[in-house]
Amino acid sequence: MTHMIGIFIGRREPAGYQYVSTTDTIDPTGSIDYIAIEAAINGRKVALSDAEKLFAARLLDSRGIGCTSISKLVGATPGRISRWKAAGWVLATPEGVAA
């Protein structure tokens, strides 16, 4: 049986394909789209929210991918990836916004 989560119809997954989720397509809050993240971490150009970028960066970091490679895949600077990692993978609340 071929895994079809996040694979476009008519295409086979390339060697080394990175999977994100096997059952859900979004998180319970609806703020993270796992299919978009899966596409992004496999090199497809996808617009991600900051929460999705952070989720993808944390996932790739846990798989041993470096900050420079992560930044290219998720669309964030290597410095931003490093700051997220140093902060324990938590998005900082913008100034003037109640947490």
PDB file of N, CA and C in Angstrom:
ATOM      1  N   MET A   1       0.852  -1.184   0.000  1.00  0.00           N
ATOM      2  CA  MET A   1       0.000   0.000   0.000  1.00  0.00           C
ATOM      3  C   MET A   1       0.893   1.242   0.000  1.00  0.00           C
ATOM      4  N   THR A   2       0.598   2.159  -0.867  1.00  0.00           N
ATOM      5  CA  THR A   2       1.357   3.388  -0.974  1.00  0.00           C
ATOM      6  C   THR A   2       0.775   4.422  -0.025  1.00  0.00           C
ATOM      7  N   HIS A   3       1.646   5.158   0.676  1.00  0.00           N
ATOM      8  CA  HIS A   3       1.185   6.249   1.543  1.00  0.00           C
ATOM      9  C   HIS A   3       0.767   7.404   0.657  1.00  0.00           C
ATOM     10  N   MET A   4      -0.417   7.928   0.861  1.00  0.00           N
ATOM     11  CA  MET A   4      -0.916   8.988   0.000  1.00  0.00           C
ATOM     12  C   MET A   4      -1.115  10.315   0.710  1.00  0.00           C
ATOM     13  N   ILE A   5      -0.809  10.407   1.978  1.00  0.00           N
ATOM     14  CA  ILE A   5      -1.000  11.661   2.699  1.00  0.00           C
ATOM     15  C   ILE A   5      -0.088  12.736   2.105  1.00  0.00           C
ATOM     16  N   GLY A   6      -0.674  13.795   1.599  1.00  0.00           N
ATOM     17  CA  GLY A   6       0.087  14.931   1.097  1.00  0.00           C
ATOM     18  C   GLY A   6       0.750  14.697  -0.249  1.00  0.00           C
ATOM     19  N   ILE A   7       0.480  13.595  -0.898  1.00  0.00           N
ATOM     20  CA  ILE A   7       1.064  13.335  -2.209  1.00  0.00           C
ATOM     21  C   ILE A   7       0.045  13.760  -3.267  1.00  0.00           C
ATOM     22  N   PHE A   8       0.492  14.466  -4.262  1.00  0.00           N
ATOM     23  CA  PHE A   8      -0.400  14.909  -5.308  1.00  0.00           C
ATOM     24  C   PHE A   8      -0.760  13.730  -6.203  1.00  0.00           C
ATOM     25  N   ILE A   9      -2.010  13.635  -6.579  1.00  0.00           N
ATOM     26  CA  ILE A   9      -2.508  12.521  -7.380  1.00  0.00           C
ATOM     27  C   ILE A   9      -1.686  12.403  -8.669  1.00  0.00           C
ATOM     28  N   GLY A  10      -1.295  11.176  -8.973  1.00  0.00           N
ATOM     29  CA  GLY A  10      -0.531  10.923 -10.182  1.00  0.00           C
ATOM     30  C   GLY A  10       0.968  11.022 -10.001  1.00  0.00           C
ATOM     31  N   ARG A  11       1.426  11.349  -8.801  1.00  0.00           N
ATOM     32  CA  ARG A  11       2.863  11.463  -8.542  1.00  0.00           C
ATOM     33  C   ARG A  11       3.263  10.475  -7.473  1.00  0.00           C
ATOM     34  N   ARG A  12       4.429   9.915  -7.607  1.00  0.00           N
ATOM     35  CA  ARG A  12       4.978   9.048  -6.573  1.00  0.00           C
ATOM     36  C   ARG A  12       5.905   9.887  -5.709  1.00  0.00           C
ATOM     37  N   GLU A  13       5.968   9.565  -4.439  1.00  0.00           N
ATOM     38  CA  GLU A  13       6.843  10.341  -3.572  1.00  0.00           C
ATOM     39  C   GLU A  13       8.299  10.041  -3.900  1.00  0.00           C
ATOM     40  N   PRO A  14       9.140  11.076  -3.927  1.00  0.00           N
ATOM     41  CA  PRO A  14      10.558  10.876  -4.213  1.00  0.00           C
ATOM     42  C   PRO A  14      11.258  10.217  -3.020  1.00  0.00           C
ATOM     43  N   ALA A  15      12.417   9.655  -3.276  1.00  0.00           N
ATOM     44  CA  ALA A  15      13.214   9.072  -2.195  1.00  0.00           C
ATOM     45  C   ALA A  15      13.517  10.170  -1.179  1.00  0.00           C
ATOM     46  N   GLY A  16      13.423   9.857   0.097  1.00  0.00           N
ATOM     47  CA  GLY A  16      13.702  10.825   1.150  1.00  0.00           C
ATOM     48  C   GLY A  16      12.550  11.758   1.453  1.00  0.00           C
ATOM     49  N   TYR A  17      11.361  11.450   0.962  1.00  0.00           N
ATOM     50  CA  TYR A  17      10.200  12.304   1.197  1.00  0.00           C
ATOM     51  C   TYR A  17       9.936  12.405   2.692  1.00  0.00           C
ATOM     52  N   GLN A  18       9.703  13.615   3.202  1.00  0.00           N
ATOM     53  CA  GLN A  18       9.461  13.875   4.617  1.00  0.00           C
ATOM     54  C   GLN A  18       7.955  13.904   4.882  1.00  0.00           C
ATOM     55  N   TYR A  19       7.503  13.082   5.812  1.00  0.00           N
ATOM     56  CA  TYR A  19       6.087  13.056   6.174  1.00  0.00           C
ATOM     57  C   TYR A  19       5.849  13.857   7.446  1.00  0.00           C
ATOM     58  N   VAL A  20       4.670  14.440   7.568  1.00  0.00           N
ATOM     59  CA  VAL A  20       4.317  15.243   8.744  1.00  0.00           C
ATOM     60  C   VAL A  20       3.278  14.536   9.586  1.00  0.00           C
ATOM     61  N   SER A  21       2.156  14.180   9.024  1.00  0.00           N
ATOM     62  CA  SER A  21       1.049  13.609   9.776  1.00  0.00           C
ATOM     63  C   SER A  21       0.480  12.434   9.003  1.00  0.00           C
ATOM     64  N   THR A  22      -0.025  11.449   9.729  1.00  0.00           N
ATOM     65  CA  THR A  22      -0.619  10.311   9.039  1.00  0.00           C
ATOM     66  C   THR A  22      -2.142  10.304   9.124  1.00  0.00           C
ATOM     67  N   THR A  23      -2.715  11.164   9.954  1.00  0.00           N
ATOM     68  CA  THR A  23      -4.165  11.145  10.095  1.00  0.00           C
ATOM     69  C   THR A  23      -4.806  12.523   9.967  1.00  0.00           C
ATOM     70  N   ASP A  24      -4.272  13.530  10.636  1.00  0.00           N
ATOM     71  CA  ASP A  24      -4.885  14.860  10.643  1.00  0.00           C
ATOM     72  C   ASP A  24      -4.335  15.730   9.517  1.00  0.00           C
ATOM     73  N   THR A  25      -5.132  16.686   9.067  1.00  0.00           N
ATOM     74  CA  THR A  25      -4.648  17.641   8.073  1.00  0.00           C
ATOM     75  C   THR A  25      -4.417  19.020   8.683  1.00  0.00           C
ATOM     76  N   ILE A  26      -5.087  19.313   9.810  1.00  0.00           N
ATOM     77  CA  ILE A  26      -4.859  20.562  10.546  1.00  0.00           C
ATOM     78  C   ILE A  26      -4.808  20.242  12.030  1.00  0.00           C
ATOM     79  N   ASP A  27      -4.216  21.157  12.809  1.00  0.00           N
ATOM     80  CA  ASP A  27      -4.187  20.963  14.256  1.00  0.00           C
ATOM     81  C   ASP A  27      -5.568  21.285  14.836  1.00  0.00           C
ATOM     82  N   PRO A  28      -5.815  20.913  16.100  1.00  0.00           N
ATOM     83  CA  PRO A  28      -7.152  21.120  16.687  1.00  0.00           C
ATOM     84  C   PRO A  28      -7.634  22.576  16.672  1.00  0.00           C
ATOM     85  N   THR A  29      -6.705  23.541  16.689  1.00  0.00           N
ATOM     86  CA  THR A  29      -7.114  24.948  16.676  1.00  0.00           C
ATOM     87  C   THR A  29      -7.371  25.453  15.264  1.00  0.00           C
ATOM     88  N   GLY A  30      -6.950  24.679  14.264  1.00  0.00           N
ATOM     89  CA  GLY A  30      -7.119  25.097  12.879  1.00  0.00           C
ATOM     90  C   GLY A  30      -6.086  26.088  12.398  1.00  0.00           C
ATOM     91  N   SER A  31      -5.038  26.327  13.197  1.00  0.00           N
ATOM     92  CA  SER A  31      -4.041  27.329  12.823  1.00  0.00           C
ATOM     93  C   SER A  31      -2.839  26.742  12.087  1.00  0.00           C
ATOM     94  N   ILE A  32      -2.711  25.426  12.062  1.00  0.00           N
ATOM     95  CA  ILE A  32      -1.569  24.799  11.401  1.00  0.00           C
ATOM     96  C   ILE A  32      -2.075  23.787  10.382  1.00  0.00           C
ATOM     97  N   ASP A  33      -1.690  23.984   9.134  1.00  0.00           N
ATOM     98  CA  ASP A  33      -2.070  23.109   8.037  1.00  0.00           C
ATOM     99  C   ASP A  33      -0.917  22.137   7.774  1.00  0.00           C
ATOM    100  N   TYR A  34      -1.085  20.887   8.199  1.00  0.00           N
ATOM    101  CA  TYR A  34      -0.023  19.893   8.068  1.00  0.00           C
ATOM    102  C   TYR A  34       0.301  19.571   6.611  1.00  0.00           C
ATOM    103  N   ILE A  35      -0.672  19.657   5.737  1.00  0.00           N
ATOM    104  CA  ILE A  35      -0.414  19.370   4.325  1.00  0.00           C
ATOM    105  C   ILE A  35       0.485  20.455   3.732  1.00  0.00           C
ATOM    106  N   ALA A  36       0.235  21.716   4.080  1.00  0.00           N
ATOM    107  CA  ALA A  36       1.088  22.807   3.608  1.00  0.00           C
ATOM    108  C   ALA A  36       2.509  22.639   4.153  1.00  0.00           C
ATOM    109  N   ILE A  37       2.620  22.243   5.421  1.00  0.00           N
ATOM    110  CA  ILE A  37       3.936  22.033   6.020  1.00  0.00           C
ATOM    111  C   ILE A  37       4.661  20.901   5.310  1.00  0.00           C
ATOM    112  N   GLU A  38       3.961  19.807   5.055  1.00  0.00           N
ATOM    113  CA  GLU A  38       4.577  18.673   4.364  1.00  0.00           C
ATOM    114  C   GLU A  38       5.084  19.092   2.979  1.00  0.00           C
ATOM    115  N   ALA A  39       4.290  19.883   2.264  1.00  0.00           N
ATOM    116  CA  ALA A  39       4.719  20.356   0.948  1.00  0.00           C
ATOM    117  C   ALA A  39       5.960  21.239   1.081  1.00  0.00           C
ATOM    118  N   ALA A  40       5.961  22.151   2.046  1.00  0.00           N
ATOM    119  CA  ALA A  40       7.089  23.072   2.223  1.00  0.00           C
ATOM    120  C   ALA A  40       8.377  22.340   2.585  1.00  0.00           C
ATOM    121  N   ILE A  41       8.311  21.390   3.505  1.00  0.00           N
ATOM    122  CA  ILE A  41       9.548  20.720   3.932  1.00  0.00           C
ATOM    123  C   ILE A  41      10.079  19.762   2.875  1.00  0.00           C
ATOM    124  N   ASN A  42       9.287  19.537   1.840  1.00  0.00           N
ATOM    125  CA  ASN A  42       9.738  18.724   0.718  1.00  0.00           C
ATOM    126  C   ASN A  42      10.092  19.581  -0.498  1.00  0.00           C
ATOM    127  N   GLY A  43      10.301  20.889  -0.254  1.00  0.00           N
ATOM    128  CA  GLY A  43      10.829  21.771  -1.277  1.00  0.00           C
ATOM    129  C   GLY A  43       9.825  22.458  -2.175  1.00  0.00           C
ATOM    130  N   ARG A  44       8.544  22.314  -1.903  1.00  0.00           N
ATOM    131  CA  ARG A  44       7.546  23.009  -2.707  1.00  0.00           C
ATOM    132  C   ARG A  44       7.346  24.415  -2.146  1.00  0.00           C
ATOM    133  N   LYS A  45       7.129  25.376  -3.020  1.00  0.00           N
ATOM    134  CA  LYS A  45       6.913  26.758  -2.590  1.00  0.00           C
ATOM    135  C   LYS A  45       5.492  26.899  -2.068  1.00  0.00           C
ATOM    136  N   VAL A  46       5.364  27.078  -0.752  1.00  0.00           N
ATOM    137  CA  VAL A  46       4.068  27.191  -0.093  1.00  0.00           C
ATOM    138  C   VAL A  46       4.149  28.357   0.889  1.00  0.00           C
ATOM    139  N   ALA A  47       3.122  29.191   0.908  1.00  0.00           N
ATOM    140  CA  ALA A  47       3.069  30.279   1.886  1.00  0.00           C
ATOM    141  C   ALA A  47       2.645  29.697   3.227  1.00  0.00           C
ATOM    142  N   LEU A  48       3.502  29.862   4.238  1.00  0.00           N
ATOM    143  CA  LEU A  48       3.209  29.357   5.580  1.00  0.00           C
ATOM    144  C   LEU A  48       3.016  30.510   6.548  1.00  0.00           C
ATOM    145  N   SER A  49       2.134  30.321   7.515  1.00  0.00           N
ATOM    146  CA  SER A  49       1.992  31.298   8.604  1.00  0.00           C
ATOM    147  C   SER A  49       3.205  31.153   9.521  1.00  0.00           C
ATOM    148  N   ASP A  50       3.387  32.094  10.432  1.00  0.00           N
ATOM    149  CA  ASP A  50       4.507  31.991  11.374  1.00  0.00           C
ATOM    150  C   ASP A  50       4.407  30.722  12.212  1.00  0.00           C
ATOM    151  N   ALA A  51       3.193  30.362  12.631  1.00  0.00           N
ATOM    152  CA  ALA A  51       3.011  29.149  13.428  1.00  0.00           C
ATOM    153  C   ALA A  51       3.397  27.913  12.622  1.00  0.00           C
ATOM    154  N   GLU A  52       3.064  27.898  11.338  1.00  0.00           N
ATOM    155  CA  GLU A  52       3.425  26.772  10.478  1.00  0.00           C
ATOM    156  C   GLU A  52       4.921  26.723  10.229  1.00  0.00           C
ATOM    157  N   LYS A  53       5.537  27.895  10.044  1.00  0.00           N
ATOM    158  CA  LYS A  53       6.992  27.949   9.859  1.00  0.00           C
ATOM    159  C   LYS A  53       7.701  27.391  11.083  1.00  0.00           C
ATOM    160  N   LEU A  54       7.248  27.803  12.264  1.00  0.00           N
ATOM    161  CA  LEU A  54       7.861  27.329  13.505  1.00  0.00           C
ATOM    162  C   LEU A  54       7.678  25.819  13.645  1.00  0.00           C
ATOM    163  N   PHE A  55       6.488  25.317  13.382  1.00  0.00           N
ATOM    164  CA  PHE A  55       6.220  23.883  13.481  1.00  0.00           C
ATOM    165  C   PHE A  55       7.141  23.113  12.541  1.00  0.00           C
ATOM    166  N   ALA A  56       7.233  23.584  11.289  1.00  0.00           N
ATOM    167  CA  ALA A  56       8.082  22.923  10.297  1.00  0.00           C
ATOM    168  C   ALA A  56       9.546  22.984  10.710  1.00  0.00           C
ATOM    169  N   ALA A  57       9.991  24.135  11.209  1.00  0.00           N
ATOM    170  CA  ALA A  57      11.385  24.287  11.632  1.00  0.00           C
ATOM    171  C   ALA A  57      11.712  23.339  12.776  1.00  0.00           C
ATOM    172  N   ARG A  58      10.823  23.249  13.747  1.00  0.00           N
ATOM    173  CA  ARG A  58      11.035  22.346  14.887  1.00  0.00           C
ATOM    174  C   ARG A  58      11.103  20.895  14.410  1.00  0.00           C
ATOM    175  N   LEU A  59      10.218  20.529  13.507  1.00  0.00           N
ATOM    176  CA  LEU A  59      10.199  19.175  12.965  1.00  0.00           C
ATOM    177  C   LEU A  59      11.501  18.855  12.224  1.00  0.00           C
ATOM    178  N   LEU A  60      11.933  19.765  11.358  1.00  0.00           N
ATOM    179  CA  LEU A  60      13.161  19.545  10.602  1.00  0.00           C
ATOM    180  C   LEU A  60      14.379  19.520  11.518  1.00  0.00           C
ATOM    181  N   ASP A  61      14.404  20.397  12.521  1.00  0.00           N
ATOM    182  CA  ASP A  61      15.511  20.399  13.482  1.00  0.00           C
ATOM    183  C   ASP A  61      15.593  19.058  14.205  1.00  0.00           C
ATOM    184  N   SER A  62      14.447  18.506  14.570  1.00  0.00           N
ATOM    185  CA  SER A  62      14.432  17.221  15.277  1.00  0.00           C
ATOM    186  C   SER A  62      14.929  16.085  14.383  1.00  0.00           C
ATOM    187  N   ARG A  63      14.915  16.306  13.078  1.00  0.00           N
ATOM    188  CA  ARG A  63      15.402  15.303  12.123  1.00  0.00           C
ATOM    189  C   ARG A  63      16.838  15.572  11.690  1.00  0.00           C
ATOM    190  N   GLY A  64      17.500  16.519  12.387  1.00  0.00           N
ATOM    191  CA  GLY A  64      18.914  16.776  12.144  1.00  0.00           C
ATOM    192  C   GLY A  64      19.233  17.718  11.003  1.00  0.00           C
ATOM    193  N   ILE A  65      18.248  18.477  10.538  1.00  0.00           N
ATOM    194  CA  ILE A  65      18.472  19.438   9.457  1.00  0.00           C
ATOM    195  C   ILE A  65      18.996  20.732  10.066  1.00  0.00           C
ATOM    196  N   GLY A  66      19.974  21.362   9.423  1.00  0.00           N
ATOM    197  CA  GLY A  66      20.581  22.592   9.924  1.00  0.00           C
ATOM    198  C   GLY A  66      19.752  23.829   9.655  1.00  0.00           C
ATOM    199  N   CYS A  67      20.057  24.917  10.385  1.00  0.00           N
ATOM    200  CA  CYS A  67      19.288  26.163  10.309  1.00  0.00           C
ATOM    201  C   CYS A  67      19.242  26.753   8.898  1.00  0.00           C
ATOM    202  N   THR A  68      20.340  26.699   8.172  1.00  0.00           N
ATOM    203  CA  THR A  68      20.361  27.280   6.825  1.00  0.00           C
ATOM    204  C   THR A  68      19.412  26.533   5.894  1.00  0.00           C
ATOM    205  N   SER A  69      19.453  25.220   5.939  1.00  0.00           N
ATOM    206  CA  SER A  69      18.551  24.424   5.099  1.00  0.00           C
ATOM    207  C   SER A  69      17.103  24.616   5.523  1.00  0.00           C
ATOM    208  N   ILE A  70      16.866  24.651   6.834  1.00  0.00           N
ATOM    209  CA  ILE A  70      15.509  24.866   7.344  1.00  0.00           C
ATOM    210  C   ILE A  70      14.978  26.206   6.856  1.00  0.00           C
ATOM    211  N   SER A  71      15.810  27.243   6.947  1.00  0.00           N
ATOM    212  CA  SER A  71      15.355  28.585   6.564  1.00  0.00           C
ATOM    213  C   SER A  71      14.928  28.636   5.107  1.00  0.00           C
ATOM    214  N   LYS A  72      15.646  27.930   4.233  1.00  0.00           N
ATOM    215  CA  LYS A  72      15.280  27.911   2.808  1.00  0.00           C
ATOM    216  C   LYS A  72      13.958  27.197   2.586  1.00  0.00           C
ATOM    217  N   LEU A  73      13.704  26.144   3.335  1.00  0.00           N
ATOM    218  CA  LEU A  73      12.475  25.375   3.152  1.00  0.00           C
ATOM    219  C   LEU A  73      11.243  26.082   3.711  1.00  0.00           C
ATOM    220  N   VAL A  74      11.393  26.729   4.866  1.00  0.00           N
ATOM    221  CA  VAL A  74      10.208  27.320   5.507  1.00  0.00           C
ATOM    222  C   VAL A  74      10.023  28.812   5.232  1.00  0.00           C
ATOM    223  N   GLY A  75      11.034  29.462   4.670  1.00  0.00           N
ATOM    224  CA  GLY A  75      10.896  30.878   4.356  1.00  0.00           C
ATOM    225  C   GLY A  75      11.112  31.793   5.539  1.00  0.00           C
ATOM    226  N   ALA A  76      12.088  31.465   6.366  1.00  0.00           N
ATOM    227  CA  ALA A  76      12.462  32.314   7.505  1.00  0.00           C
ATOM    228  C   ALA A  76      13.988  32.400   7.527  1.00  0.00           C
ATOM    229  N   THR A  77      14.522  33.459   8.104  1.00  0.00           N
ATOM    230  CA  THR A  77      15.977  33.604   8.136  1.00  0.00           C
ATOM    231  C   THR A  77      16.599  32.589   9.101  1.00  0.00           C
ATOM    232  N   PRO A  78      17.871  32.233   8.872  1.00  0.00           N
ATOM    233  CA  PRO A  78      18.545  31.327   9.810  1.00  0.00           C
ATOM    234  C   PRO A  78      18.570  31.893  11.239  1.00  0.00           C
ATOM    235  N   GLY A  79      18.695  33.225  11.351  1.00  0.00           N
ATOM    236  CA  GLY A  79      18.681  33.851  12.675  1.00  0.00           C
ATOM    237  C   GLY A  79      17.354  33.655  13.389  1.00  0.00           C
ATOM    238  N   ARG A  80      16.288  33.758  12.634  1.00  0.00           N
ATOM    239  CA  ARG A  80      14.950  33.560  13.214  1.00  0.00           C
ATOM    240  C   ARG A  80      14.785  32.114  13.674  1.00  0.00           C
ATOM    241  N   ILE A  81      15.259  31.176  12.868  1.00  0.00           N
ATOM    242  CA  ILE A  81      15.194  29.762  13.251  1.00  0.00           C
ATOM    243  C   ILE A  81      15.982  29.545  14.543  1.00  0.00           C
ATOM    244  N   SER A  82      17.173  30.129  14.617  1.00  0.00           N
ATOM    245  CA  SER A  82      18.009  29.999  15.819  1.00  0.00           C
ATOM    246  C   SER A  82      17.327  30.589  17.048  1.00  0.00           C
ATOM    247  N   ARG A  83      16.670  31.744  16.873  1.00  0.00           N
ATOM    248  CA  ARG A  83      15.962  32.372  18.005  1.00  0.00           C
ATOM    249  C   ARG A  83      14.796  31.510  18.467  1.00  0.00           C
ATOM    250  N   TRP A  84      14.042  30.950  17.521  1.00  0.00           N
ATOM    251  CA  TRP A  84      12.944  30.057  17.893  1.00  0.00           C
ATOM    252  C   TRP A  84      13.462  28.872  18.687  1.00  0.00           C
ATOM    253  N   LYS A  85      14.559  28.291  18.211  1.00  0.00           N
ATOM    254  CA  LYS A  85      15.128  27.126  18.890  1.00  0.00           C
ATOM    255  C   LYS A  85      15.596  27.505  20.296  1.00  0.00           C
ATOM    256  N   ALA A  86      16.294  28.637  20.413  1.00  0.00           N
ATOM    257  CA  ALA A  86      16.785  29.090  21.714  1.00  0.00           C
ATOM    258  C   ALA A  86      15.645  29.397  22.683  1.00  0.00           C
ATOM    259  N   ALA A  87      14.489  29.802  22.148  1.00  0.00           N
ATOM    260  CA  ALA A  87      13.326  30.137  22.981  1.00  0.00           C
ATOM    261  C   ALA A  87      12.462  28.909  23.280  1.00  0.00           C
ATOM    262  N   GLY A  88      12.925  27.726  22.868  1.00  0.00           N
ATOM    263  CA  GLY A  88      12.153  26.511  23.139  1.00  0.00           C
ATOM    264  C   GLY A  88      11.022  26.298  22.155  1.00  0.00           C
ATOM    265  N   TRP A  89      11.206  26.794  20.922  1.00  0.00           N
ATOM    266  CA  TRP A  89      10.219  26.621  19.851  1.00  0.00           C
ATOM    267  C   TRP A  89       8.868  27.240  20.197  1.00  0.00           C
ATOM    268  N   VAL A  90       8.910  28.469  20.720  1.00  0.00           N
ATOM    269  CA  VAL A  90       7.702  29.209  21.055  1.00  0.00           C
ATOM    270  C   VAL A  90       7.727  30.528  20.286  1.00  0.00           C
ATOM    271  N   LEU A  91       6.612  30.871  19.647  1.00  0.00           N
ATOM    272  CA  LEU A  91       6.509  32.154  18.973  1.00  0.00           C
ATOM    273  C   LEU A  91       6.442  33.268  20.005  1.00  0.00           C
ATOM    274  N   ALA A  92       7.216  34.304  19.783  1.00  0.00           N
ATOM    275  CA  ALA A  92       7.152  35.469  20.677  1.00  0.00           C
ATOM    276  C   ALA A  92       5.891  36.262  20.366  1.00  0.00           C
ATOM    277  N   THR A  93       5.250  36.774  21.398  1.00  0.00           N
ATOM    278  CA  THR A  93       4.083  37.610  21.222  1.00  0.00           C
ATOM    279  C   THR A  93       4.551  38.998  20.780  1.00  0.00           C
ATOM    280  N   PRO A  94       4.009  39.546  19.689  1.00  0.00           N
ATOM    281  CA  PRO A  94       4.417  40.887  19.239  1.00  0.00           C
ATOM    282  C   PRO A  94       4.164  41.929  20.327  1.00  0.00           C
ATOM    283  N   GLU A  95       5.037  42.943  20.350  1.00  0.00           N
ATOM    284  CA  GLU A  95       4.872  44.008  21.352  1.00  0.00           C
ATOM    285  C   GLU A  95       3.515  44.680  21.193  1.00  0.00           C
ATOM    286  N   GLY A  96       2.898  44.982  22.309  1.00  0.00           N
ATOM    287  CA  GLY A  96       1.610  45.671  22.302  1.00  0.00           C
ATOM    288  C   GLY A  96       0.419  44.730  22.153  1.00  0.00           C
ATOM    289  N   VAL A  97       0.702  43.430  22.044  1.00  0.00           N
ATOM    290  CA  VAL A  97      -0.384  42.439  21.913  1.00  0.00           C
ATOM    291  C   VAL A  97      -0.432  41.623  23.199  1.00  0.00           C
ATOM    292  N   ALA A  98      -1.607  41.539  23.798  1.00  0.00           N
ATOM    293  CA  ALA A  98      -1.749  40.763  25.027  1.00  0.00           C
ATOM    294  C   ALA A  98      -1.566  39.277  24.721  1.00  0.00           C
ATOM    295  N   ALA A  99      -0.867  38.594  25.622  1.00  0.00           N
ATOM    296  CA  ALA A  99      -0.628  37.156  25.427  1.00  0.00           C
ATOM    297  C   ALA A  99      -1.824  36.343  25.800  1.00  0.00           C
TER     298      ALA A  99
END
